[in-house]
């Protein structure tokens, strides 16, 4: 599986062992997934962060164990915060803000 570009030191050195600090779970038939991708990208730009740090994962790329953890699309994982559906800009901003201050994010 490809590892996403991330602001964390490297994908291998993220203490939580995730492949990226921000992961968006989508599917080909998801009506609102692209909307959420655009919202997250815009908020990252407001922080001066690259939208390329987002790891986009389609459901058909997941094994059965990983798939069982996804209960709703779109699902957005920002560090240790999991968001389902279409989160508000304030919710995304809050999750990104808390993540940026974790020691695994590069300064």
N, C-alpha and C. Protein backbone atom coordinates (compact mmCIF):
# COMPACT_ATOMS: atom_id res chain seq x y z
N UNK A 1 0.85 -1.17 0.00
CA UNK A 1 0.00 0.00 0.00
C UNK A 1 0.90 1.24 0.00
N UNK A 2 0.54 2.23 -0.75
CA UNK A 2 1.32 3.47 -0.83
C UNK A 2 1.14 4.29 0.44
N UNK A 3 2.19 4.91 0.85
CA UNK A 3 2.10 5.79 2.01
C UNK A 3 1.91 7.21 1.54
N UNK A 4 1.10 7.95 2.27
CA UNK A 4 0.79 9.32 1.88
C UNK A 4 1.90 10.25 2.31
N UNK A 5 2.00 11.34 1.59
CA UNK A 5 2.89 12.42 2.03
C UNK A 5 2.29 12.95 3.32
N UNK A 6 3.11 13.28 4.26
CA UNK A 6 2.62 13.71 5.55
C UNK A 6 3.55 14.73 6.17
N UNK A 7 3.01 15.58 7.01
CA UNK A 7 3.85 16.54 7.72
C UNK A 7 4.53 15.89 8.91
N UNK A 8 4.04 14.75 9.31
CA UNK A 8 4.72 14.05 10.39
C UNK A 8 6.10 13.66 9.88
N UNK A 9 7.02 13.46 10.79
CA UNK A 9 8.42 13.24 10.42
C UNK A 9 8.55 12.34 9.20
N UNK A 10 8.11 11.12 9.30
CA UNK A 10 7.96 10.23 8.15
C UNK A 10 6.80 9.32 8.51
N UNK A 11 6.21 8.70 7.52
CA UNK A 11 5.09 7.81 7.81
C UNK A 11 5.52 6.68 8.73
N UNK A 12 6.78 6.24 8.63
CA UNK A 12 7.26 5.17 9.50
C UNK A 12 7.52 5.62 10.93
N UNK A 13 7.67 6.92 11.14
CA UNK A 13 8.01 7.39 12.49
C UNK A 13 6.83 8.00 13.23
N UNK A 14 5.64 7.92 12.68
CA UNK A 14 4.48 8.43 13.40
C UNK A 14 4.27 7.53 14.62
N UNK A 15 4.30 8.09 15.82
CA UNK A 15 4.21 7.27 17.02
C UNK A 15 2.97 6.37 17.09
N UNK A 16 1.87 6.82 16.51
CA UNK A 16 0.64 6.02 16.58
C UNK A 16 0.62 4.90 15.56
N UNK A 17 1.62 4.85 14.69
CA UNK A 17 1.77 3.81 13.65
C UNK A 17 0.77 3.95 12.51
N UNK A 18 0.06 5.08 12.42
CA UNK A 18 -0.80 5.32 11.26
C UNK A 18 0.09 5.62 10.06
N UNK A 19 -0.46 5.44 8.87
CA UNK A 19 0.30 5.73 7.66
C UNK A 19 0.29 7.21 7.32
N UNK A 20 -0.62 7.96 7.90
CA UNK A 20 -0.70 9.39 7.64
C UNK A 20 -1.41 10.07 8.80
N UNK A 21 -1.17 11.35 8.97
CA UNK A 21 -1.84 12.10 10.03
C UNK A 21 -3.29 12.41 9.66
N UNK A 22 -3.59 12.46 8.37
CA UNK A 22 -4.96 12.71 7.91
C UNK A 22 -5.30 11.67 6.85
N UNK A 23 -6.37 10.92 7.11
CA UNK A 23 -6.83 9.90 6.17
C UNK A 23 -8.31 10.11 5.90
N UNK A 24 -8.67 10.10 4.62
CA UNK A 24 -10.07 10.19 4.21
C UNK A 24 -10.46 8.87 3.56
N UNK A 25 -11.49 8.23 4.11
CA UNK A 25 -12.00 6.99 3.56
C UNK A 25 -13.17 7.31 2.64
N UNK A 26 -13.09 6.83 1.40
CA UNK A 26 -14.09 7.15 0.39
C UNK A 26 -14.47 5.90 -0.39
N UNK A 27 -15.41 6.08 -1.29
CA UNK A 27 -15.73 5.03 -2.26
C UNK A 27 -16.17 5.70 -3.55
N UNK A 28 -16.19 4.93 -4.59
CA UNK A 28 -16.56 5.44 -5.90
C UNK A 28 -17.99 5.98 -5.90
N UNK A 29 -18.86 5.41 -5.08
CA UNK A 29 -20.27 5.78 -5.07
C UNK A 29 -20.64 6.76 -3.96
N UNK A 30 -19.67 7.32 -3.28
CA UNK A 30 -19.92 8.24 -2.17
C UNK A 30 -20.30 9.62 -2.71
N UNK A 31 -21.49 10.08 -2.37
CA UNK A 31 -21.98 11.36 -2.89
C UNK A 31 -21.27 12.57 -2.28
N UNK A 32 -20.86 12.46 -1.02
CA UNK A 32 -20.34 13.62 -0.31
C UNK A 32 -18.84 13.57 -0.05
N UNK A 33 -18.18 12.52 -0.49
CA UNK A 33 -16.75 12.37 -0.20
C UNK A 33 -15.91 13.50 -0.79
N UNK A 34 -16.16 13.86 -2.03
CA UNK A 34 -15.36 14.92 -2.66
C UNK A 34 -15.58 16.26 -1.97
N UNK A 35 -16.80 16.51 -1.49
CA UNK A 35 -17.08 17.73 -0.73
C UNK A 35 -16.22 17.80 0.53
N UNK A 36 -16.13 16.69 1.24
CA UNK A 36 -15.33 16.65 2.47
C UNK A 36 -13.84 16.80 2.14
N UNK A 37 -13.38 16.18 1.08
CA UNK A 37 -11.99 16.33 0.66
C UNK A 37 -11.68 17.81 0.44
N UNK A 38 -12.55 18.50 -0.27
CA UNK A 38 -12.34 19.93 -0.56
C UNK A 38 -12.35 20.76 0.72
N UNK A 39 -13.26 20.45 1.65
CA UNK A 39 -13.32 21.18 2.93
C UNK A 39 -12.01 21.01 3.70
N UNK A 40 -11.53 19.77 3.79
CA UNK A 40 -10.29 19.51 4.53
C UNK A 40 -9.12 20.20 3.84
N UNK A 41 -9.05 20.12 2.52
CA UNK A 41 -7.97 20.79 1.79
C UNK A 41 -7.97 22.29 2.03
N UNK A 42 -9.13 22.92 2.02
CA UNK A 42 -9.22 24.37 2.25
C UNK A 42 -8.76 24.73 3.65
N UNK A 43 -9.14 23.95 4.63
CA UNK A 43 -8.73 24.24 6.01
C UNK A 43 -7.23 24.03 6.17
N UNK A 44 -6.67 23.01 5.55
CA UNK A 44 -5.22 22.82 5.60
C UNK A 44 -4.50 24.01 4.99
N UNK A 45 -5.02 24.53 3.89
CA UNK A 45 -4.41 25.71 3.26
C UNK A 45 -4.45 26.91 4.20
N UNK A 46 -5.53 27.06 4.97
CA UNK A 46 -5.62 28.16 5.94
C UNK A 46 -4.52 28.05 7.00
N UNK A 47 -4.11 26.84 7.30
CA UNK A 47 -3.02 26.61 8.26
C UNK A 47 -1.65 26.69 7.60
N UNK A 48 -1.63 26.88 6.29
CA UNK A 48 -0.37 26.89 5.56
C UNK A 48 0.17 25.50 5.32
N UNK A 49 -0.69 24.50 5.39
CA UNK A 49 -0.29 23.11 5.21
C UNK A 49 -0.67 22.63 3.81
N UNK A 50 0.05 21.67 3.31
CA UNK A 50 -0.19 21.14 1.98
C UNK A 50 -1.35 20.15 1.97
N UNK A 51 -2.25 20.27 1.00
CA UNK A 51 -3.32 19.27 0.89
C UNK A 51 -2.79 17.89 0.49
N UNK A 52 -1.53 17.83 0.06
CA UNK A 52 -0.94 16.55 -0.33
C UNK A 52 -0.67 15.64 0.86
N UNK A 53 -0.81 16.17 2.07
CA UNK A 53 -0.61 15.32 3.24
C UNK A 53 -1.80 14.41 3.51
N UNK A 54 -2.89 14.60 2.78
CA UNK A 54 -4.08 13.78 2.97
C UNK A 54 -3.89 12.44 2.27
N UNK A 55 -4.12 11.40 3.01
CA UNK A 55 -4.11 10.04 2.44
C UNK A 55 -5.55 9.68 2.11
N UNK A 56 -5.83 9.46 0.85
CA UNK A 56 -7.19 9.10 0.42
C UNK A 56 -7.23 7.60 0.19
N UNK A 57 -8.15 6.93 0.88
CA UNK A 57 -8.25 5.48 0.81
C UNK A 57 -9.66 5.11 0.36
N UNK A 58 -9.73 4.35 -0.71
CA UNK A 58 -11.03 3.85 -1.18
C UNK A 58 -11.33 2.54 -0.47
N UNK A 59 -12.60 2.31 -0.21
CA UNK A 59 -13.00 1.10 0.51
C UNK A 59 -12.51 -0.18 -0.14
N UNK A 60 -12.44 -0.20 -1.46
CA UNK A 60 -12.00 -1.42 -2.13
C UNK A 60 -10.50 -1.70 -1.95
N UNK A 61 -9.78 -0.78 -1.31
CA UNK A 61 -8.36 -0.98 -1.01
C UNK A 61 -8.13 -1.59 0.37
N UNK A 62 -9.20 -1.71 1.17
CA UNK A 62 -9.07 -2.16 2.55
C UNK A 62 -9.29 -3.66 2.67
N UNK A 63 -8.60 -4.25 3.66
CA UNK A 63 -8.87 -5.66 3.96
C UNK A 63 -10.12 -5.72 4.85
N UNK A 64 -10.61 -6.90 5.12
CA UNK A 64 -11.88 -7.04 5.85
C UNK A 64 -11.81 -6.47 7.27
N UNK A 65 -10.65 -6.57 7.93
CA UNK A 65 -10.52 -6.02 9.28
C UNK A 65 -10.60 -4.50 9.25
N UNK A 66 -9.88 -3.87 8.33
CA UNK A 66 -9.92 -2.42 8.19
C UNK A 66 -11.31 -1.95 7.79
N UNK A 67 -11.93 -2.68 6.90
CA UNK A 67 -13.25 -2.32 6.40
C UNK A 67 -14.30 -2.35 7.50
N UNK A 68 -14.15 -3.26 8.45
CA UNK A 68 -15.12 -3.39 9.53
C UNK A 68 -15.13 -2.17 10.45
N UNK A 69 -14.05 -1.38 10.45
CA UNK A 69 -13.98 -0.18 11.30
C UNK A 69 -14.66 1.03 10.66
N UNK A 70 -14.96 0.96 9.37
CA UNK A 70 -15.58 2.08 8.67
C UNK A 70 -17.08 1.84 8.63
N UNK A 71 -17.83 2.66 9.36
CA UNK A 71 -19.27 2.45 9.46
C UNK A 71 -20.09 3.44 8.64
N UNK A 72 -19.46 4.51 8.18
CA UNK A 72 -20.17 5.56 7.46
C UNK A 72 -19.20 6.28 6.55
N UNK A 73 -19.67 6.68 5.39
CA UNK A 73 -18.84 7.47 4.47
C UNK A 73 -19.45 8.84 4.29
N UNK A 74 -18.62 9.82 4.11
CA UNK A 74 -17.17 9.77 4.24
C UNK A 74 -16.76 9.69 5.71
N UNK A 75 -15.63 9.05 5.95
CA UNK A 75 -15.00 9.03 7.27
C UNK A 75 -13.66 9.72 7.14
N UNK A 76 -13.40 10.64 8.05
CA UNK A 76 -12.16 11.40 8.04
C UNK A 76 -11.44 11.15 9.35
N UNK A 77 -10.20 10.68 9.27
CA UNK A 77 -9.37 10.46 10.45
C UNK A 77 -8.32 11.56 10.47
N UNK A 78 -8.39 12.44 11.46
CA UNK A 78 -7.39 13.49 11.64
C UNK A 78 -6.71 13.21 12.97
N UNK A 79 -5.52 12.65 12.89
CA UNK A 79 -4.78 12.20 14.07
C UNK A 79 -5.67 11.21 14.83
N UNK A 80 -6.01 11.50 16.08
CA UNK A 80 -6.82 10.57 16.86
C UNK A 80 -8.31 10.93 16.85
N UNK A 81 -8.72 11.84 15.98
CA UNK A 81 -10.12 12.25 15.88
C UNK A 81 -10.74 11.63 14.63
N UNK A 82 -11.85 10.95 14.80
CA UNK A 82 -12.55 10.35 13.67
C UNK A 82 -13.86 11.10 13.45
N UNK A 83 -14.04 11.59 12.22
CA UNK A 83 -15.23 12.36 11.86
C UNK A 83 -16.01 11.57 10.82
N UNK A 84 -17.33 11.55 10.97
CA UNK A 84 -18.20 10.82 10.05
C UNK A 84 -19.15 11.78 9.36
N UNK A 85 -19.47 11.47 8.11
CA UNK A 85 -20.39 12.31 7.37
C UNK A 85 -19.72 13.61 6.93
N UNK A 86 -20.50 14.69 6.90
CA UNK A 86 -19.98 15.99 6.47
C UNK A 86 -19.75 16.85 7.71
N UNK A 87 -18.52 16.90 8.21
CA UNK A 87 -18.26 17.70 9.41
C UNK A 87 -18.27 19.19 9.08
N UNK A 88 -18.56 19.99 10.08
CA UNK A 88 -18.53 21.44 9.90
C UNK A 88 -17.09 21.91 9.76
N UNK A 89 -16.92 23.09 9.19
CA UNK A 89 -15.58 23.67 9.09
C UNK A 89 -14.95 23.82 10.47
N UNK A 90 -15.76 24.20 11.46
CA UNK A 90 -15.25 24.38 12.82
C UNK A 90 -14.75 23.07 13.40
N UNK A 91 -15.45 21.98 13.13
CA UNK A 91 -15.03 20.67 13.63
C UNK A 91 -13.72 20.23 13.00
N UNK A 92 -13.60 20.43 11.70
CA UNK A 92 -12.35 20.07 11.01
C UNK A 92 -11.21 20.95 11.52
N UNK A 93 -11.46 22.25 11.64
CA UNK A 93 -10.44 23.18 12.13
C UNK A 93 -9.97 22.78 13.52
N UNK A 94 -10.89 22.42 14.39
CA UNK A 94 -10.54 22.00 15.75
C UNK A 94 -9.66 20.76 15.73
N UNK A 95 -10.02 19.78 14.91
CA UNK A 95 -9.23 18.54 14.84
C UNK A 95 -7.83 18.81 14.29
N UNK A 96 -7.73 19.64 13.26
CA UNK A 96 -6.42 19.97 12.69
C UNK A 96 -5.59 20.76 13.71
N UNK A 97 -6.22 21.71 14.40
CA UNK A 97 -5.51 22.51 15.40
C UNK A 97 -4.91 21.62 16.49
N UNK A 98 -5.72 20.69 17.02
CA UNK A 98 -5.21 19.80 18.07
C UNK A 98 -4.08 18.91 17.54
N UNK A 99 -4.18 18.49 16.29
CA UNK A 99 -3.15 17.63 15.70
C UNK A 99 -1.83 18.36 15.49
N UNK A 100 -1.92 19.61 15.05
CA UNK A 100 -0.72 20.40 14.77
C UNK A 100 0.15 20.56 16.02
N UNK A 101 -0.47 20.58 17.18
CA UNK A 101 0.29 20.78 18.41
C UNK A 101 0.82 19.48 19.01
N UNK A 102 0.61 18.37 18.34
CA UNK A 102 1.18 17.11 18.82
C UNK A 102 2.65 17.05 18.40
N UNK A 103 3.49 16.41 19.19
CA UNK A 103 4.93 16.40 18.90
C UNK A 103 5.32 15.69 17.60
N UNK A 104 4.45 14.87 17.04
CA UNK A 104 4.82 14.16 15.81
C UNK A 104 4.70 15.04 14.57
N UNK A 105 4.07 16.20 14.68
CA UNK A 105 3.99 17.11 13.54
C UNK A 105 5.28 17.91 13.45
N UNK A 106 5.76 18.09 12.22
CA UNK A 106 6.98 18.87 12.00
C UNK A 106 6.69 20.35 12.22
N UNK A 107 7.68 21.06 12.71
CA UNK A 107 7.50 22.50 12.94
C UNK A 107 7.72 23.27 11.67
